[in-house]
Amino acid sequence: MNADFLTVLEYWEREKGISRDILVAAVEEALVSAAKKAVGPARELRCAIDPKSGDIKAFAKLIVSDKVLSKHDQISVFDARRIKADAQLGDEIEVEVTPTGFGRIAAQYAKQSLMQHVRRAEKQLILTEFKDRVGDIISGIVRRFDRSDVTVDLGKYEALLPNRERVPTEEYQIGERIRCYVKAVEDGPHGPEIILSRADPQFVIKLFQLEVSEINDGTIEIKAIAREPGFRTKLAVHSRDGKIDPVGACVGLRGQRVKNIVRELNNEKVDIIKWETNIKAYITNALAPAQLKTFDLDEANRRVRIIVSEDQLSLAIGKRGQNARLSSKLTGWQVDILPEVVVTMGFAEKVAKAVELLAAIPGVSQEQADTLVHHGLTSLEDLLQADVSDLAGIPGIGDHAATIKKAVGAEVSRRTIKIGEPSVT
């Protein structure tokens, strides 16, 4: 048992970096409880572990007395002088009081105490070691899943990749090595936890800092980032050195730098644009390659109304409005993209008719119908195909998206029933 105990001490010292002296001291303190049960209420009882042999012994401080009234507190002069030749009445002498078979009982207590202390020490080491590593990228191995949360083995410690920090398009396998961003060290229900992320925009920024030396040394600055994890990221960069092209430096020779980052992001699309102080130029860069015609800026509300030709509308808005949505996040301005209206009575009438038809749907207001039409959703069929998330991204619709979607479904059902009714002759 002693050999096993020493082996456990060596393991935790080597694997967790916890000093053996600290572990031994913690176990000795816990062993006092075991000793009190085995020895009895001895005076100033303590336990000691031989760090070389692993032997566990119990000691008590007894007072040298003429007449021993309590064997737990006193020792006779004769017995005391067998331990210490010059012992006198009233002296305190430490005496070994290890009972027979104490080693087996003590070893059980020792193991329990050791595990408890190791867990506490390990949690403390997490705080000590990782509090300064928040913001770093680390590599670990997927160990297990708890529902949708992933436990990642970092070597000495385990970290948590919560479902909210996962990329929705990624699937992980047990034993797979993944790189993650250290987002925080938080106090969880079982002590400090290392929280990892692959969905945080800072993960992309850190990858660029590691891959692009000009960003790392401060020559190129990342001014803003907008990300929809797994799908697309927009990054605005600026060079403090006029001779350096910030976009070209981030892309790298033959696109190698950005390819390495895209590979790490499992082929998530990354748009690198040049940051500008002029908001028109900045938004133009953000919406490229779409060709924009006119701008109408509302600086008080940080909102811009952009007109594009009909053939550029889908390119400017992007799939499910993603390009426009990310451009809004990147620039900090609400971007409204509208198709160019040909000033003819016929077209105006078509727009008005489309607004009127949508406003006729129970649950859709006149203002909402006007907003939907000006965002390219001109018919019941368009609304039926649009997702709630797409509608929610339209300025002026927002929280009403689910209500509008429900109203459209009800209208489609009503029309279907009406068409299927038998005619009356």
Protein backbone atom coordinates (compact mmCIF):
# COMPACT_ATOMS: atom_id res chain seq x y z
CA MET A 1 0.00 0.00 0.00
CA ASN A 2 2.85 2.37 0.85
CA ALA A 3 4.53 1.71 -2.49
CA ASP A 4 1.23 2.39 -4.27
CA PHE A 5 0.81 5.60 -2.32
CA LEU A 6 4.27 6.81 -3.31
CA THR A 7 3.54 5.94 -6.93
CA VAL A 8 0.37 8.07 -6.82
CA LEU A 9 2.34 10.97 -5.33
CA GLU A 10 4.95 10.73 -8.08
CA TYR A 11 2.25 10.62 -10.76
CA TRP A 12 0.45 13.74 -9.58
CA GLU A 13 3.72 15.56 -9.08
CA ARG A 14 4.83 14.73 -12.61
CA GLU A 15 1.53 15.11 -14.47
CA LYS A 16 -0.03 18.05 -12.65
CA GLY A 17 3.06 19.90 -11.50
CA ILE A 18 1.98 19.90 -7.83
CA SER A 19 4.86 19.72 -5.34
CA ARG A 20 5.14 16.43 -3.45
CA ASP A 21 5.81 18.35 -0.21
CA ILE A 22 2.49 20.19 -0.62
CA LEU A 23 0.64 16.93 -1.29
CA VAL A 24 2.28 15.17 1.68
CA ALA A 25 1.46 18.07 4.01
CA ALA A 26 -2.19 18.04 2.91
CA VAL A 27 -2.48 14.27 3.39
CA GLU A 28 -0.81 14.37 6.81
CA GLU A 29 -3.38 16.91 7.95
CA ALA A 30 -6.22 14.66 6.80
CA LEU A 31 -4.70 11.60 8.45
CA VAL A 32 -5.17 13.14 11.89
CA SER A 33 -8.89 12.32 11.61
CA ALA A 34 -8.08 8.70 10.92
CA ALA A 35 -5.58 8.62 13.76
CA LYS A 36 -8.07 10.02 16.28
CA LYS A 37 -10.45 7.17 15.47
CA ALA A 38 -7.73 4.53 15.76
CA VAL A 39 -5.68 5.93 18.64
CA GLY A 40 -8.28 7.83 20.64
CA PRO A 41 -8.21 11.41 21.97
CA ALA A 42 -4.43 11.64 22.24
CA ARG A 43 -2.91 15.01 23.15
CA GLU A 44 -1.67 17.13 20.21
CA LEU A 45 -1.93 14.23 17.81
CA ARG A 46 -0.16 14.48 14.46
CA CYS A 47 0.64 12.15 11.59
CA ALA A 48 3.74 11.97 9.44
CA ILE A 49 4.54 10.25 6.14
CA ASP A 50 8.07 9.14 5.39
CA PRO A 51 8.68 10.66 1.92
CA LYS A 52 11.08 7.83 1.03
CA SER A 53 9.36 4.71 2.37
CA GLY A 54 5.80 5.97 2.48
CA ASP A 55 5.36 4.67 6.06
CA ILE A 56 2.58 6.45 7.97
CA LYS A 57 3.05 7.01 11.73
CA ALA A 58 1.07 8.76 14.43
CA PHE A 59 2.61 10.86 17.22
CA ALA A 60 1.23 12.48 20.38
CA LYS A 61 2.72 14.94 22.86
CA LEU A 62 2.41 13.51 26.38
CA ILE A 63 3.25 15.16 29.72
CA VAL A 64 5.71 13.37 32.02
CA SER A 65 3.83 12.60 35.25
CA ASP A 66 4.41 10.77 38.53
CA LYS A 67 1.11 9.02 38.26
CA VAL A 68 -0.55 8.36 34.92
CA LEU A 69 -4.26 9.17 35.18
CA SER A 70 -4.87 9.37 31.41
CA LYS A 71 -2.77 7.37 28.95
CA HIS A 72 -3.92 9.71 26.20
CA ASP A 73 -2.37 12.76 27.91
CA GLN A 74 0.34 11.51 30.26
CA ILE A 75 3.41 9.25 30.36
CA SER A 76 5.28 7.88 33.35
CA VAL A 77 8.78 9.06 34.23
CA PHE A 78 10.11 5.55 33.62
CA ASP A 79 8.63 5.29 30.11
CA ALA A 80 9.62 8.87 29.29
CA ARG A 81 13.28 8.26 30.19
CA ARG A 82 13.34 5.23 27.89
CA ILE A 83 12.62 7.70 25.08
CA LYS A 84 14.56 10.67 26.43
CA ALA A 85 17.15 9.97 29.11
CA ASP A 86 16.98 13.40 30.78
CA ALA A 87 13.18 13.65 30.88
CA GLN A 88 11.81 15.47 33.96
CA LEU A 89 8.36 15.79 35.53
CA GLY A 90 6.19 18.22 33.58
CA ASP A 91 8.17 17.87 30.34
CA GLU A 92 6.38 17.30 27.05
CA ILE A 93 7.61 14.34 25.05
CA GLU A 94 6.48 13.35 21.55
CA VAL A 95 5.71 9.66 21.52
CA GLU A 96 4.87 7.40 18.62
CA VAL A 97 1.37 6.04 19.15
CA THR A 98 0.85 4.27 15.83
CA PRO A 99 -1.68 1.47 16.45
CA THR A 100 -1.45 -1.98 14.87
CA GLY A 101 -2.96 -2.06 11.39
CA PHE A 102 -3.11 1.74 11.20
CA GLY A 103 -1.33 1.80 7.84
CA ARG A 104 -4.27 0.19 5.99
CA ILE A 105 -6.87 2.57 7.44
CA ALA A 106 -4.56 5.56 6.99
CA ALA A 107 -3.86 4.67 3.38
CA GLN A 108 -7.57 4.83 2.54
CA TYR A 109 -7.87 8.25 4.16
CA ALA A 110 -4.66 9.32 2.46
CA LYS A 111 -5.94 8.42 -1.01
CA GLN A 112 -9.27 10.19 -0.49
CA SER A 113 -7.56 13.28 0.87
CA LEU A 114 -4.98 13.23 -1.90
CA MET A 115 -7.62 13.18 -4.63
CA GLN A 116 -9.56 16.02 -3.01
CA HIS A 117 -6.46 18.13 -2.60
CA VAL A 118 -5.28 17.41 -6.14
CA ARG A 119 -8.62 18.57 -7.52
CA ARG A 120 -8.45 21.77 -5.47
CA ALA A 121 -4.82 22.35 -6.41
CA GLU A 122 -5.55 21.64 -10.07
CA LYS A 123 -8.36 24.19 -10.11
CA GLN A 124 -6.07 26.74 -8.49
CA LEU A 125 -3.39 25.99 -11.08
CA ILE A 126 -5.96 26.62 -13.83
CA LEU A 127 -6.51 30.11 -12.46
CA THR A 128 -2.79 30.70 -12.01
CA GLU A 129 -1.71 29.42 -15.42
CA PHE A 130 -4.60 30.42 -17.66
CA LYS A 131 -5.66 33.81 -16.29
CA ASP A 132 -2.87 35.34 -18.41
CA ARG A 133 -3.58 33.13 -21.44
CA VAL A 134 -7.04 34.48 -22.20
CA GLY A 135 -6.87 35.62 -25.82
CA ASP A 136 -4.39 32.92 -26.89
CA ILE A 137 -4.97 30.10 -29.35
CA ILE A 138 -4.29 26.63 -27.97
CA SER A 139 -4.48 23.11 -29.33
CA GLY A 140 -6.27 20.21 -27.67
CA ILE A 141 -7.86 16.82 -28.27
CA VAL A 142 -11.61 16.22 -28.24
CA ARG A 143 -12.25 13.87 -25.32
CA ARG A 144 -16.02 13.65 -24.82
CA PHE A 145 -19.37 15.29 -25.39
CA ASP A 146 -21.90 16.49 -22.83
CA ARG A 147 -24.98 17.08 -24.95
CA SER A 148 -23.63 19.66 -27.41
CA ASP A 149 -20.75 20.87 -25.22
CA VAL A 150 -17.28 19.52 -26.02
CA THR A 151 -14.62 18.66 -23.45
CA VAL A 152 -11.12 19.30 -24.82
CA ASP A 153 -7.99 17.74 -23.31
CA LEU A 154 -5.18 20.31 -23.12
CA GLY A 155 -2.65 17.95 -21.54
CA LYS A 156 -2.54 18.83 -17.85
CA TYR A 157 -6.06 20.27 -17.85
CA GLU A 158 -9.42 19.89 -19.50
CA ALA A 159 -11.29 22.81 -21.08
CA LEU A 160 -14.86 23.32 -22.23
CA LEU A 161 -15.99 24.29 -25.73
CA PRO A 162 -19.66 25.18 -25.06
CA ASN A 163 -22.30 24.74 -27.71
CA ARG A 164 -22.71 28.54 -27.93
CA GLU A 165 -19.02 28.83 -28.90
CA ARG A 166 -19.09 26.10 -31.54
CA VAL A 167 -19.28 26.79 -35.27
CA PRO A 168 -22.66 25.44 -36.45
CA THR A 169 -21.20 23.92 -39.62
CA GLU A 170 -18.44 21.98 -37.81
CA GLU A 171 -18.60 18.43 -36.45
CA TYR A 172 -15.93 17.05 -34.11
CA GLN A 173 -14.79 13.49 -33.52
CA ILE A 174 -13.42 12.02 -30.29
CA GLY A 175 -9.62 11.93 -30.58
CA GLU A 176 -9.56 14.77 -33.12
CA ARG A 177 -7.09 17.61 -32.48
CA ILE A 178 -8.59 21.09 -32.77
CA ARG A 179 -7.36 24.65 -32.24
CA CYS A 180 -9.44 27.02 -30.14
CA TYR A 181 -9.41 30.54 -28.76
CA VAL A 182 -9.17 30.86 -24.96
CA LYS A 183 -12.17 33.09 -24.33
CA ALA A 184 -12.32 33.12 -20.53
CA VAL A 185 -11.52 31.38 -17.27
CA GLU A 186 -14.82 31.25 -15.39
CA ASP A 187 -16.00 29.92 -12.05
CA GLY A 188 -18.23 26.99 -12.90
CA PRO A 189 -20.29 24.72 -10.61
CA HIS A 190 -17.21 22.56 -10.01
CA GLY A 191 -14.62 25.33 -9.78
CA PRO A 192 -12.70 27.33 -12.40
CA GLU A 193 -13.28 26.30 -16.03
CA ILE A 194 -11.32 27.16 -19.16
CA ILE A 195 -13.86 28.34 -21.75
CA LEU A 196 -12.82 27.88 -25.38
CA SER A 197 -14.33 29.24 -28.58
CA ARG A 198 -14.13 28.72 -32.32
CA ALA A 199 -17.06 31.00 -33.12
CA ASP A 200 -15.78 34.20 -31.53
CA PRO A 201 -14.61 36.87 -34.04
CA GLN A 202 -11.48 37.26 -31.91
CA PHE A 203 -10.49 33.74 -33.01
CA VAL A 204 -10.18 35.01 -36.59
CA ILE A 205 -8.30 38.12 -35.47
CA LYS A 206 -5.82 35.98 -33.52
CA LEU A 207 -5.30 33.71 -36.54
CA PHE A 208 -4.43 36.75 -38.66
CA GLN A 209 -2.03 37.99 -35.97
CA LEU A 210 -0.24 34.63 -36.02
CA GLU A 211 -0.19 34.36 -39.82
CA VAL A 212 0.47 37.99 -40.84
CA SER A 213 3.65 39.39 -39.32
CA GLU A 214 2.68 42.97 -40.24
CA ILE A 215 -0.41 42.68 -38.04
CA ASN A 216 1.59 41.15 -35.21
CA ASP A 217 4.15 43.97 -35.21
CA GLY A 218 1.47 46.68 -35.50
CA THR A 219 2.27 47.88 -39.04
CA ILE A 220 -1.19 46.77 -40.14
CA GLU A 221 -4.16 47.30 -37.84
CA ILE A 222 -7.43 45.36 -37.84
CA LYS A 223 -10.02 48.11 -37.52
CA ALA A 224 -13.22 46.05 -37.47
CA ILE A 225 -14.55 42.54 -37.95
CA ALA A 226 -18.00 41.07 -38.61
CA ARG A 227 -18.52 37.32 -38.60
CA GLU A 228 -21.22 34.73 -39.10
CA PRO A 229 -19.31 31.62 -37.95
CA GLY A 230 -19.01 28.89 -40.53
CA PHE A 231 -20.28 31.04 -43.37
CA ARG A 232 -18.55 34.38 -43.85
CA THR A 233 -16.26 36.92 -42.20
CA LYS A 234 -15.52 40.51 -43.20
CA LEU A 235 -12.29 42.07 -41.95
CA ALA A 236 -11.39 45.76 -42.30
CA VAL A 237 -7.65 46.50 -42.23
CA HIS A 238 -5.57 49.68 -42.29
CA SER A 239 -1.84 50.23 -42.82
CA ARG A 240 0.07 52.79 -40.78
CA ASP A 241 2.75 52.69 -43.46
CA GLY A 242 1.50 54.23 -46.70
CA LYS A 243 3.90 52.06 -48.70
CA ILE A 244 2.27 48.83 -47.54
CA ASP A 245 -0.97 47.54 -49.06
CA PRO A 246 -2.89 46.16 -46.04
CA VAL A 247 -5.18 43.92 -48.09
CA GLY A 248 -2.31 42.48 -50.15
CA ALA A 249 -0.23 41.81 -47.03
CA CYS A 250 -3.10 39.92 -45.41
CA VAL A 251 -3.81 37.90 -48.55
CA GLY A 252 -0.13 37.02 -48.97
CA LEU A 253 1.85 35.81 -51.95
CA ARG A 254 -0.52 33.83 -54.19
CA GLY A 255 -3.09 34.08 -51.41
CA GLN A 256 -1.13 31.71 -49.16
CA ARG A 257 -1.68 33.58 -45.90
CA VAL A 258 -5.43 33.84 -46.17
CA LYS A 259 -5.61 30.26 -47.52
CA ASN A 260 -4.02 28.98 -44.31
CA ILE A 261 -6.61 30.85 -42.25
CA VAL A 262 -9.52 29.70 -44.43
CA ARG A 263 -8.28 26.12 -44.06
CA GLU A 264 -8.28 26.46 -40.27
CA LEU A 265 -11.83 27.89 -40.47
CA ASN A 266 -12.96 24.89 -42.56
CA ASN A 267 -13.45 26.94 -45.73
CA GLU A 268 -15.40 29.79 -44.16
CA LYS A 269 -15.35 32.67 -46.66
CA VAL A 270 -13.13 35.58 -45.58
CA ASP A 271 -13.43 39.05 -47.18
CA ILE A 272 -10.52 41.39 -46.46
CA ILE A 273 -11.34 45.03 -47.21
CA LYS A 274 -9.48 48.30 -46.87
CA TRP A 275 -10.66 50.51 -44.03
CA GLU A 276 -11.36 54.15 -44.95
CA THR A 277 -12.17 57.26 -42.92
CA ASN A 278 -14.62 58.30 -45.64
CA ILE A 279 -17.80 56.34 -44.89
CA LYS A 280 -18.88 56.21 -48.55
CA ALA A 281 -15.56 54.68 -49.60
CA TYR A 282 -15.63 52.33 -46.60
CA ILE A 283 -19.13 51.02 -47.36
CA THR A 284 -18.26 50.72 -51.06
CA ASN A 285 -15.29 48.52 -50.12
CA ALA A 286 -17.45 46.47 -47.74
CA LEU A 287 -20.09 45.77 -50.42
CA ALA A 288 -17.61 45.05 -53.23
CA PRO A 289 -17.75 43.74 -55.90
CA ALA A 290 -21.30 45.09 -56.20
CA GLN A 291 -21.50 48.38 -58.12
CA LEU A 292 -23.30 51.08 -56.12
CA LYS A 293 -25.06 54.03 -57.75
CA THR A 294 -26.14 56.56 -55.14
CA PHE A 295 -25.75 57.13 -51.38
CA ASP A 296 -28.14 58.90 -49.04
CA LEU A 297 -26.43 59.36 -45.66
CA ASP A 298 -28.28 59.98 -42.39
CA GLU A 299 -25.36 60.81 -40.11
CA ALA A 300 -27.53 61.52 -37.06
CA ASN A 301 -28.86 57.95 -37.07
CA ARG A 302 -25.77 56.41 -38.73
CA ARG A 303 -27.89 55.04 -41.54
CA VAL A 304 -27.21 54.93 -45.27
CA ARG A 305 -29.63 54.31 -48.12
CA ILE A 306 -27.95 52.85 -51.20
CA ILE A 307 -29.44 52.54 -54.66
CA VAL A 308 -28.17 49.83 -56.98
CA SER A 309 -29.22 48.74 -60.44
CA GLU A 310 -31.55 45.76 -60.66
CA ASP A 311 -28.83 43.40 -61.87
CA GLN A 312 -26.58 44.33 -58.91
CA LEU A 313 -29.22 43.97 -56.18
CA SER A 314 -28.72 40.29 -55.36
CA LEU A 315 -24.92 40.72 -55.41
CA ALA A 316 -25.06 43.70 -53.03
CA ILE A 317 -27.50 42.09 -50.61
CA GLY A 318 -25.89 38.65 -50.78
CA LYS A 319 -27.35 35.25 -50.06
CA ARG A 320 -30.14 35.68 -47.50
CA GLY A 321 -29.02 39.26 -46.96
CA GLN A 322 -25.66 38.18 -45.55
CA ASN A 323 -23.46 40.65 -47.45
CA ALA A 324 -25.56 43.66 -46.42
CA ARG A 325 -25.92 42.41 -42.85
CA LEU A 326 -22.18 41.88 -42.34
CA SER A 327 -21.40 45.22 -43.97
CA SER A 328 -23.69 46.91 -41.44
CA LYS A 329 -21.90 45.21 -38.54
CA LEU A 330 -18.49 46.00 -39.99
CA THR A 331 -19.07 49.69 -40.63
CA GLY A 332 -21.35 50.41 -37.69
CA TRP A 333 -23.91 51.97 -40.06
CA GLN A 334 -27.33 50.58 -40.88
CA VAL A 335 -27.12 49.76 -44.60
CA ASP A 336 -30.38 49.78 -46.60
CA ILE A 337 -30.00 48.58 -50.18
CA LEU A 338 -32.77 49.39 -52.62
CA PRO A 339 -33.15 48.63 -56.33
CA GLU A 340 -32.98 51.52 -58.76
CA VAL A 341 -36.44 52.78 -59.52
CA VAL A 342 -36.97 53.68 -63.16
CA VAL A 343 -38.99 56.87 -63.08
CA THR A 344 -41.96 55.73 -65.07
CA MET A 345 -45.57 55.60 -64.05
CA GLY A 346 -45.72 51.92 -64.95
CA PHE A 347 -42.99 50.90 -62.51
CA ALA A 348 -44.34 53.11 -59.73
CA GLU A 349 -47.71 51.54 -60.20
CA LYS A 350 -46.16 48.08 -59.97
CA VAL A 351 -44.45 48.99 -56.70
CA ALA A 352 -47.66 50.46 -55.32
CA LYS A 353 -49.60 47.38 -56.43
CA ALA A 354 -47.08 45.05 -54.77
CA VAL A 355 -47.31 47.07 -51.53
CA GLU A 356 -51.09 46.98 -51.71
CA LEU A 357 -51.15 43.18 -52.22
CA LEU A 358 -48.81 42.52 -49.29
CA ALA A 359 -50.66 45.00 -47.04
CA ALA A 360 -53.89 43.08 -47.81
CA ILE A 361 -52.49 40.06 -45.95
CA PRO A 362 -54.00 40.04 -42.42
CA GLY A 363 -51.17 40.74 -39.98
CA VAL A 364 -48.99 42.79 -42.38
CA SER A 365 -49.16 46.57 -41.99
CA GLN A 366 -48.86 49.13 -44.79
CA GLU A 367 -45.43 50.25 -43.50
CA GLN A 368 -44.18 46.67 -43.27
CA ALA A 369 -45.44 45.91 -46.77
CA ASP A 370 -43.63 48.98 -48.12
CA THR A 371 -40.39 47.93 -46.39
CA LEU A 372 -40.63 44.36 -47.69
CA VAL A 373 -41.24 45.47 -51.28
CA HIS A 374 -38.29 47.86 -51.16
CA HIS A 375 -36.11 44.97 -50.02
CA GLY A 376 -37.04 42.87 -53.04
CA LEU A 377 -39.85 40.81 -51.47
CA THR A 378 -42.65 41.80 -53.81
CA SER A 379 -45.00 38.81 -53.69
CA LEU A 380 -46.53 36.22 -51.42
CA GLU A 381 -44.26 33.60 -53.01
CA ASP A 382 -41.14 35.66 -52.12
CA LEU A 383 -42.24 35.88 -48.49
CA LEU A 384 -43.06 32.18 -48.39
CA GLN A 385 -39.51 31.27 -49.48
CA ALA A 386 -37.79 33.71 -47.11
CA ASP A 387 -36.63 32.49 -43.68
CA VAL A 388 -37.62 34.22 -40.45
CA SER A 389 -33.94 35.10 -39.90
CA ASP A 390 -33.82 36.77 -43.34
CA LEU A 391 -36.87 38.88 -42.53
CA ALA A 392 -35.53 39.75 -39.08
CA GLY A 393 -32.43 41.24 -40.68
CA ILE A 394 -34.49 43.80 -42.63
CA PRO A 395 -34.56 47.23 -40.92
CA GLY A 396 -38.09 48.03 -39.83
CA ILE A 397 -39.12 44.36 -39.64
CA GLY A 398 -36.90 42.98 -36.85
CA ASP A 399 -39.02 41.39 -34.10
CA HIS A 400 -42.13 41.35 -36.35
CA ALA A 401 -40.52 38.73 -38.64
CA ALA A 402 -42.13 35.70 -36.97
CA THR A 403 -45.59 37.37 -36.98
CA ILE A 404 -45.29 38.25 -40.67
CA LYS A 405 -44.14 34.72 -41.54
CA LYS A 406 -47.10 33.27 -39.66
CA ALA A 407 -49.49 35.63 -41.43
CA VAL A 408 -48.08 34.61 -44.83
CA GLY A 409 -48.55 30.92 -43.99
CA ALA A 410 -52.14 31.53 -42.96
CA GLU A 411 -52.81 33.48 -46.17
CA VAL A 412 -51.36 30.68 -48.33
CA SER A 413 -53.50 28.11 -46.51
CA ARG A 414 -56.62 30.27 -46.94
CA ARG A 415 -56.02 30.68 -50.68
CA THR A 416 -55.32 26.95 -51.11
CA ILE A 417 -58.58 26.03 -49.42
CA LYS A 418 -60.46 28.58 -51.49
CA ILE A 419 -59.02 27.24 -54.76
CA GLY A 420 -59.88 23.66 -53.77
CA GLU A 421 -63.53 24.41 -52.90
CA PRO A 422 -66.09 22.78 -55.28
CA SER A 423 -67.91 25.19 -57.55
CA VAL A 424 -71.63 25.77 -57.05
CA THR A 425 -73.80 25.46 -60.15
